[in-house]
């Protein structure tokens, strides 16, 4: 798996896990974990939108949605 560097990367990874659950390629014991991951996708989108809004209000540069840096290299 490629490294997860942006919020977009994180959501793509979590969504791929959710698709596997929907296709039945993940065992039932893991489905509960996938449900928790889907909550993280939602929270990630919401948090990023709030950060972008705050940066805009403070007249700071705003990243493209999905490109929020999660860590410095």
PDB file of N, CA and C in Angstrom:
ATOM      1  N   UNK A   1       0.840  -1.178   0.000  1.00  0.00           N
ATOM      2  CA  UNK A   1       0.000   0.000   0.000  1.00  0.00           C
ATOM      3  C   UNK A   1       0.885   1.241   0.000  1.00  0.00           C
ATOM      4  N   UNK A   2       0.494   2.221  -0.791  1.00  0.00           N
ATOM      5  CA  UNK A   2       1.209   3.495  -0.808  1.00  0.00           C
ATOM      6  C   UNK A   2       0.994   4.207   0.522  1.00  0.00           C
ATOM      7  N   UNK A   3       1.935   5.063   0.863  1.00  0.00           N
ATOM      8  CA  UNK A   3       1.783   5.771   2.140  1.00  0.00           C
ATOM      9  C   UNK A   3       0.631   6.768   2.072  1.00  0.00           C
ATOM     10  N   UNK A   4       0.034   7.014   3.207  1.00  0.00           N
ATOM     11  CA  UNK A   4      -1.083   7.951   3.310  1.00  0.00           C
ATOM     12  C   UNK A   4      -0.503   9.281   3.756  1.00  0.00           C
ATOM     13  N   UNK A   5      -0.549  10.277   2.855  1.00  0.00           N
ATOM     14  CA  UNK A   5       0.053  11.573   3.142  1.00  0.00           C
ATOM     15  C   UNK A   5      -0.959  12.706   3.234  1.00  0.00           C
ATOM     16  N   UNK A   6      -2.109  12.541   2.617  1.00  0.00           N
ATOM     17  CA  UNK A   6      -3.108  13.611   2.620  1.00  0.00           C
ATOM     18  C   UNK A   6      -4.451  13.069   3.087  1.00  0.00           C
ATOM     19  N   UNK A   7      -5.362  13.973   3.370  1.00  0.00           N
ATOM     20  CA  UNK A   7      -6.711  13.564   3.765  1.00  0.00           C
ATOM     21  C   UNK A   7      -7.387  12.793   2.635  1.00  0.00           C
ATOM     22  N   UNK A   8      -7.090  13.159   1.401  1.00  0.00           N
ATOM     23  CA  UNK A   8      -7.649  12.446   0.251  1.00  0.00           C
ATOM     24  C   UNK A   8      -7.164  10.994   0.242  1.00  0.00           C
ATOM     25  N   UNK A   9      -5.875  10.779   0.493  1.00  0.00           N
ATOM     26  CA  UNK A   9      -5.322   9.420   0.559  1.00  0.00           C
ATOM     27  C   UNK A   9      -6.014   8.597   1.643  1.00  0.00           C
ATOM     28  N   UNK A  10      -6.224   9.216   2.795  1.00  0.00           N
ATOM     29  CA  UNK A  10      -6.864   8.528   3.913  1.00  0.00           C
ATOM     30  C   UNK A  10      -8.286   8.112   3.553  1.00  0.00           C
ATOM     31  N   UNK A  11      -9.046   9.026   2.978  1.00  0.00           N
ATOM     32  CA  UNK A  11     -10.426   8.693   2.600  1.00  0.00           C
ATOM     33  C   UNK A  11     -10.465   7.608   1.534  1.00  0.00           C
ATOM     34  N   UNK A  12      -9.559   7.664   0.566  1.00  0.00           N
ATOM     35  CA  UNK A  12      -9.535   6.640  -0.480  1.00  0.00           C
ATOM     36  C   UNK A  12      -9.270   5.258   0.120  1.00  0.00           C
ATOM     37  N   UNK A  13      -8.329   5.187   1.049  1.00  0.00           N
ATOM     38  CA  UNK A  13      -8.022   3.915   1.701  1.00  0.00           C
ATOM     39  C   UNK A  13      -9.225   3.392   2.486  1.00  0.00           C
ATOM     40  N   UNK A  14      -9.823   4.249   3.286  1.00  0.00           N
ATOM     41  CA  UNK A  14     -10.965   3.819   4.094  1.00  0.00           C
ATOM     42  C   UNK A  14     -12.133   3.404   3.210  1.00  0.00           C
ATOM     43  N   UNK A  15     -12.357   4.129   2.131  1.00  0.00           N
ATOM     44  CA  UNK A  15     -13.451   3.775   1.221  1.00  0.00           C
ATOM     45  C   UNK A  15     -13.196   2.432   0.539  1.00  0.00           C
ATOM     46  N   UNK A  16     -11.944   2.119   0.233  1.00  0.00           N
ATOM     47  CA  UNK A  16     -11.651   0.812  -0.366  1.00  0.00           C
ATOM     48  C   UNK A  16     -11.981  -0.320   0.614  1.00  0.00           C
ATOM     49  N   UNK A  17     -11.739  -0.098   1.906  1.00  0.00           N
ATOM     50  CA  UNK A  17     -12.085  -1.098   2.914  1.00  0.00           C
ATOM     51  C   UNK A  17     -13.606  -1.274   3.009  1.00  0.00           C
ATOM     52  N   UNK A  18     -14.331  -0.179   2.919  1.00  0.00           N
ATOM     53  CA  UNK A  18     -15.793  -0.238   2.972  1.00  0.00           C
ATOM     54  C   UNK A  18     -16.326  -1.016   1.771  1.00  0.00           C
ATOM     55  N   UNK A  19     -15.743  -0.790   0.580  1.00  0.00           N
ATOM     56  CA  UNK A  19     -16.162  -1.523  -0.622  1.00  0.00           C
ATOM     57  C   UNK A  19     -15.926  -3.023  -0.448  1.00  0.00           C
ATOM     58  N   UNK A  20     -14.802  -3.386   0.145  1.00  0.00           N
ATOM     59  CA  UNK A  20     -14.518  -4.806   0.373  1.00  0.00           C
ATOM     60  C   UNK A  20     -15.570  -5.431   1.287  1.00  0.00           C
ATOM     61  N   UNK A  21     -16.013  -4.696   2.278  1.00  0.00           N
ATOM     62  CA  UNK A  21     -17.063  -5.206   3.167  1.00  0.00           C
ATOM     63  C   UNK A  21     -18.352  -5.402   2.383  1.00  0.00           C
ATOM     64  N   UNK A  22     -18.672  -4.447   1.531  1.00  0.00           N
ATOM     65  CA  UNK A  22     -19.885  -4.543   0.726  1.00  0.00           C
ATOM     66  C   UNK A  22     -19.845  -5.694  -0.261  1.00  0.00           C
ATOM     67  N   UNK A  23     -18.661  -6.020  -0.767  1.00  0.00           N
ATOM     68  CA  UNK A  23     -18.507  -7.117  -1.726  1.00  0.00           C
ATOM     69  C   UNK A  23     -18.413  -8.482  -1.061  1.00  0.00           C
ATOM     70  N   UNK A  24     -18.350  -8.491   0.257  1.00  0.00           N
ATOM     71  CA  UNK A  24     -18.245  -9.754   0.974  1.00  0.00           C
ATOM     72  C   UNK A  24     -16.846 -10.348   0.966  1.00  0.00           C
ATOM     73  N   UNK A  25     -15.841  -9.544   0.642  1.00  0.00           N
ATOM     74  CA  UNK A  25     -14.471 -10.062   0.612  1.00  0.00           C
ATOM     75  C   UNK A  25     -13.755  -9.899   1.949  1.00  0.00           C
ATOM     76  N   UNK A  26     -14.457  -9.356   2.930  1.00  0.00           N
ATOM     77  CA  UNK A  26     -13.912  -9.239   4.283  1.00  0.00           C
ATOM     78  C   UNK A  26     -14.814 -10.041   5.211  1.00  0.00           C
ATOM     79  N   UNK A  27     -14.229 -10.765   6.093  1.00  0.00           N
ATOM     80  CA  UNK A  27     -14.985 -11.607   7.012  1.00  0.00           C
ATOM     81  C   UNK A  27     -15.843 -10.759   7.959  1.00  0.00           C
ATOM     82  N   UNK A  28     -16.954 -11.336   8.379  1.00  0.00           N
ATOM     83  CA  UNK A  28     -17.953 -10.608   9.172  1.00  0.00           C
ATOM     84  C   UNK A  28     -17.394  -9.976  10.432  1.00  0.00           C
ATOM     85  N   UNK A  29     -16.395 -10.593  11.021  1.00  0.00           N
ATOM     86  CA  UNK A  29     -15.817 -10.032  12.251  1.00  0.00           C
ATOM     87  C   UNK A  29     -15.185  -8.673  12.004  1.00  0.00           C
ATOM     88  N   UNK A  30     -14.784  -8.438  10.776  1.00  0.00           N
ATOM     89  CA  UNK A  30     -14.139  -7.165  10.457  1.00  0.00           C
ATOM     90  C   UNK A  30     -15.131  -6.073  10.059  1.00  0.00           C
ATOM     91  N   UNK A  31     -16.368  -6.450   9.790  1.00  0.00           N
ATOM     92  CA  UNK A  31     -17.357  -5.473   9.343  1.00  0.00           C
ATOM     93  C   UNK A  31     -17.562  -4.364  10.380  1.00  0.00           C
ATOM     94  N   UNK A  32     -17.594  -4.703  11.657  1.00  0.00           N
ATOM     95  CA  UNK A  32     -17.757  -3.669  12.686  1.00  0.00           C
ATOM     96  C   UNK A  32     -16.624  -2.656  12.635  1.00  0.00           C
ATOM     97  N   UNK A  33     -15.430  -3.127  12.370  1.00  0.00           N
ATOM     98  CA  UNK A  33     -14.298  -2.202  12.234  1.00  0.00           C
ATOM     99  C   UNK A  33     -14.485  -1.298  11.024  1.00  0.00           C
ATOM    100  N   UNK A  34     -15.010  -1.851   9.958  1.00  0.00           N
ATOM    101  CA  UNK A  34     -15.243  -1.056   8.745  1.00  0.00           C
ATOM    102  C   UNK A  34     -16.277   0.028   9.013  1.00  0.00           C
ATOM    103  N   UNK A  35     -17.301  -0.296   9.779  1.00  0.00           N
ATOM    104  CA  UNK A  35     -18.304   0.710  10.137  1.00  0.00           C
ATOM    105  C   UNK A  35     -17.636   1.865  10.883  1.00  0.00           C
ATOM    106  N   UNK A  36     -16.745   1.539  11.789  1.00  0.00           N
ATOM    107  CA  UNK A  36     -16.020   2.585  12.517  1.00  0.00           C
ATOM    108  C   UNK A  36     -15.155   3.404  11.564  1.00  0.00           C
ATOM    109  N   UNK A  37     -14.551   2.748  10.592  1.00  0.00           N
ATOM    110  CA  UNK A  37     -13.743   3.467   9.609  1.00  0.00           C
ATOM    111  C   UNK A  37     -14.593   4.434   8.790  1.00  0.00           C
ATOM    112  N   UNK A  38     -15.807   4.016   8.453  1.00  0.00           N
ATOM    113  CA  UNK A  38     -16.670   4.907   7.675  1.00  0.00           C
ATOM    114  C   UNK A  38     -16.999   6.171   8.461  1.00  0.00           C
ATOM    115  N   UNK A  39     -17.110   6.036   9.766  1.00  0.00           N
ATOM    116  CA  UNK A  39     -17.328   7.213  10.606  1.00  0.00           C
ATOM    117  C   UNK A  39     -16.125   8.140  10.505  1.00  0.00           C
ATOM    118  N   UNK A  40     -14.941   7.568  10.444  1.00  0.00           N
ATOM    119  CA  UNK A  40     -13.732   8.374  10.312  1.00  0.00           C
ATOM    120  C   UNK A  40     -13.695   9.124   8.982  1.00  0.00           C
ATOM    121  N   UNK A  41     -14.193   8.499   7.914  1.00  0.00           N
ATOM    122  CA  UNK A  41     -14.269   9.190   6.621  1.00  0.00           C
ATOM    123  C   UNK A  41     -15.131  10.434   6.766  1.00  0.00           C
ATOM    124  N   UNK A  42     -16.290  10.276   7.377  1.00  0.00           N
ATOM    125  CA  UNK A  42     -17.199  11.406   7.569  1.00  0.00           C
ATOM    126  C   UNK A  42     -16.545  12.495   8.409  1.00  0.00           C
ATOM    127  N   UNK A  43     -15.933  12.118   9.511  1.00  0.00           N
ATOM    128  CA  UNK A  43     -15.290  13.099  10.383  1.00  0.00           C
ATOM    129  C   UNK A  43     -14.128  13.797   9.679  1.00  0.00           C
ATOM    130  N   UNK A  44     -13.427  13.075   8.827  1.00  0.00           N
ATOM    131  CA  UNK A  44     -12.313  13.651   8.072  1.00  0.00           C
ATOM    132  C   UNK A  44     -12.801  14.749   7.127  1.00  0.00           C
ATOM    133  N   UNK A  45     -13.873  14.467   6.404  1.00  0.00           N
ATOM    134  CA  UNK A  45     -14.441  15.461   5.486  1.00  0.00           C
ATOM    135  C   UNK A  45     -14.910  16.684   6.263  1.00  0.00           C
ATOM    136  N   UNK A  46     -15.627  16.459   7.339  1.00  0.00           N
ATOM    137  CA  UNK A  46     -16.160  17.559   8.143  1.00  0.00           C
ATOM    138  C   UNK A  46     -15.037  18.411   8.734  1.00  0.00           C
ATOM    139  N   UNK A  47     -14.026  17.757   9.282  1.00  0.00           N
ATOM    140  CA  UNK A  47     -12.908  18.490   9.885  1.00  0.00           C
ATOM    141  C   UNK A  47     -12.156  19.305   8.846  1.00  0.00           C
ATOM    142  N   UNK A  48     -11.926  18.716   7.696  1.00  0.00           N
ATOM    143  CA  UNK A  48     -11.200  19.441   6.650  1.00  0.00           C
ATOM    144  C   UNK A  48     -11.990  20.658   6.176  1.00  0.00           C
ATOM    145  N   UNK A  49     -13.289  20.511   6.048  1.00  0.00           N
ATOM    146  CA  UNK A  49     -14.124  21.649   5.645  1.00  0.00           C
ATOM    147  C   UNK A  49     -14.050  22.767   6.683  1.00  0.00           C
ATOM    148  N   UNK A  50     -14.063  22.411   7.947  1.00  0.00           N
ATOM    149  CA  UNK A  50     -13.956  23.424   9.012  1.00  0.00           C
ATOM    150  C   UNK A  50     -12.601  24.124   8.979  1.00  0.00           C
ATOM    151  N   UNK A  51     -11.528  23.371   8.749  1.00  0.00           N
ATOM    152  CA  UNK A  51     -10.190  23.963   8.663  1.00  0.00           C
ATOM    153  C   UNK A  51     -10.116  24.928   7.485  1.00  0.00           C
ATOM    154  N   UNK A  52     -10.643  24.517   6.338  1.00  0.00           N
ATOM    155  CA  UNK A  52     -10.621  25.381   5.155  1.00  0.00           C
ATOM    156  C   UNK A  52     -11.406  26.664   5.400  1.00  0.00           C
ATOM    157  N   UNK A  53     -12.549  26.545   6.042  1.00  0.00           N
ATOM    158  CA  UNK A  53     -13.370  27.718   6.335  1.00  0.00           C
ATOM    159  C   UNK A  53     -12.623  28.676   7.265  1.00  0.00           C
ATOM    160  N   UNK A  54     -12.013  28.144   8.315  1.00  0.00           N
ATOM    161  CA  UNK A  54     -11.277  28.975   9.263  1.00  0.00           C
ATOM    162  C   UNK A  54     -10.096  29.666   8.589  1.00  0.00           C
ATOM    163  N   UNK A  55      -9.357  28.933   7.775  1.00  0.00           N
ATOM    164  CA  UNK A  55      -8.224  29.540   7.064  1.00  0.00           C
ATOM    165  C   UNK A  55      -8.692  30.669   6.152  1.00  0.00           C
ATOM    166  N   UNK A  56      -9.803  30.456   5.468  1.00  0.00           N
ATOM    167  CA  UNK A  56     -10.335  31.500   4.585  1.00  0.00           C
ATOM    168  C   UNK A  56     -10.735  32.726   5.398  1.00  0.00           C
ATOM    169  N   UNK A  57     -11.384  32.506   6.533  1.00  0.00           N
ATOM    170  CA  UNK A  57     -11.792  33.625   7.388  1.00  0.00           C
ATOM    171  C   UNK A  57     -10.585  34.396   7.917  1.00  0.00           C
ATOM    172  N   UNK A  58      -9.474  33.700   8.142  1.00  0.00           N
ATOM    173  CA  UNK A  58      -8.250  34.331   8.636  1.00  0.00           C
ATOM    174  C   UNK A  58      -7.369  34.844   7.497  1.00  0.00           C
ATOM    175  N   UNK A  59      -7.890  34.732   6.282  1.00  0.00           N
ATOM    176  CA  UNK A  59      -7.192  35.161   5.068  1.00  0.00           C
ATOM    177  C   UNK A  59      -5.846  34.464   4.918  1.00  0.00           C
ATOM    178  N   UNK A  60      -5.820  33.185   5.275  1.00  0.00           N
ATOM    179  CA  UNK A  60      -4.634  32.354   5.078  1.00  0.00           C
ATOM    180  C   UNK A  60      -4.836  31.525   3.820  1.00  0.00           C
ATOM    181  N   UNK A  61      -3.748  30.974   3.304  1.00  0.00           N
ATOM    182  CA  UNK A  61      -3.878  30.141   2.113  1.00  0.00           C
ATOM    183  C   UNK A  61      -4.724  28.909   2.450  1.00  0.00           C
ATOM    184  N   UNK A  62      -5.534  28.517   1.496  1.00  0.00           N
ATOM    185  CA  UNK A  62      -6.436  27.378   1.682  1.00  0.00           C
ATOM    186  C   UNK A  62      -6.015  26.285   0.711  1.00  0.00           C
ATOM    187  N   UNK A  63      -5.765  25.089   1.232  1.00  0.00           N
ATOM    188  CA  UNK A  63      -5.401  23.953   0.392  1.00  0.00           C
ATOM    189  C   UNK A  63      -6.591  23.522  -0.457  1.00  0.00           C
ATOM    190  N   UNK A  64      -6.299  22.854  -1.565  1.00  0.00           N
ATOM    191  CA  UNK A  64      -7.352  22.235  -2.360  1.00  0.00           C
ATOM    192  C   UNK A  64      -7.993  21.153  -1.493  1.00  0.00           C
ATOM    193  N   UNK A  65      -9.315  21.021  -1.578  1.00  0.00           N
ATOM    194  CA  UNK A  65      -9.999  20.031  -0.750  1.00  0.00           C
ATOM    195  C   UNK A  65      -9.435  18.646  -1.048  1.00  0.00           C
ATOM    196  N   UNK A  66      -9.135  17.917   0.004  1.00  0.00           N
ATOM    197  CA  UNK A  66      -8.553  16.585  -0.132  1.00  0.00           C
ATOM    198  C   UNK A  66      -7.034  16.586  -0.137  1.00  0.00           C
ATOM    199  N   UNK A  67      -6.437  17.763  -0.058  1.00  0.00           N
ATOM    200  CA  UNK A  67      -4.975  17.871  -0.104  1.00  0.00           C
ATOM    201  C   UNK A  67      -4.380  18.386   1.205  1.00  0.00           C
ATOM    202  N   UNK A  68      -5.160  18.405   2.273  1.00  0.00           N
ATOM    203  CA  UNK A  68      -4.675  18.849   3.577  1.00  0.00           C
ATOM    204  C   UNK A  68      -3.530  17.943   4.023  1.00  0.00           C
ATOM    205  N   UNK A  69      -2.395  18.535   4.347  1.00  0.00           N
ATOM    206  CA  UNK A  69      -1.235  17.759   4.782  1.00  0.00           C
ATOM    207  C   UNK A  69      -1.494  17.193   6.180  1.00  0.00           C
ATOM    208  N   UNK A  70      -1.234  15.924   6.346  1.00  0.00           N
ATOM    209  CA  UNK A  70      -1.433  15.261   7.630  1.00  0.00           C
ATOM    210  C   UNK A  70      -0.166  15.282   8.471  1.00  0.00           C
ATOM    211  N   UNK A  71       0.983  15.452   7.829  1.00  0.00           N
ATOM    212  CA  UNK A  71       2.259  15.548   8.545  1.00  0.00           C
ATOM    213  C   UNK A  71       3.286  16.180   7.627  1.00  0.00           C
ATOM    214  N   UNK A  72       4.358  16.690   8.203  1.00  0.00           N
ATOM    215  CA  UNK A  72       5.471  17.214   7.423  1.00  0.00           C
ATOM    216  C   UNK A  72       6.413  16.065   7.107  1.00  0.00           C
ATOM    217  N   UNK A  73       7.041  16.140   5.951  1.00  0.00           N
ATOM    218  CA  UNK A  73       7.973  15.068   5.568  1.00  0.00           C
ATOM    219  C   UNK A  73       9.308  15.265   6.198  1.00  0.00           C
TER     220      UNK A  73
END
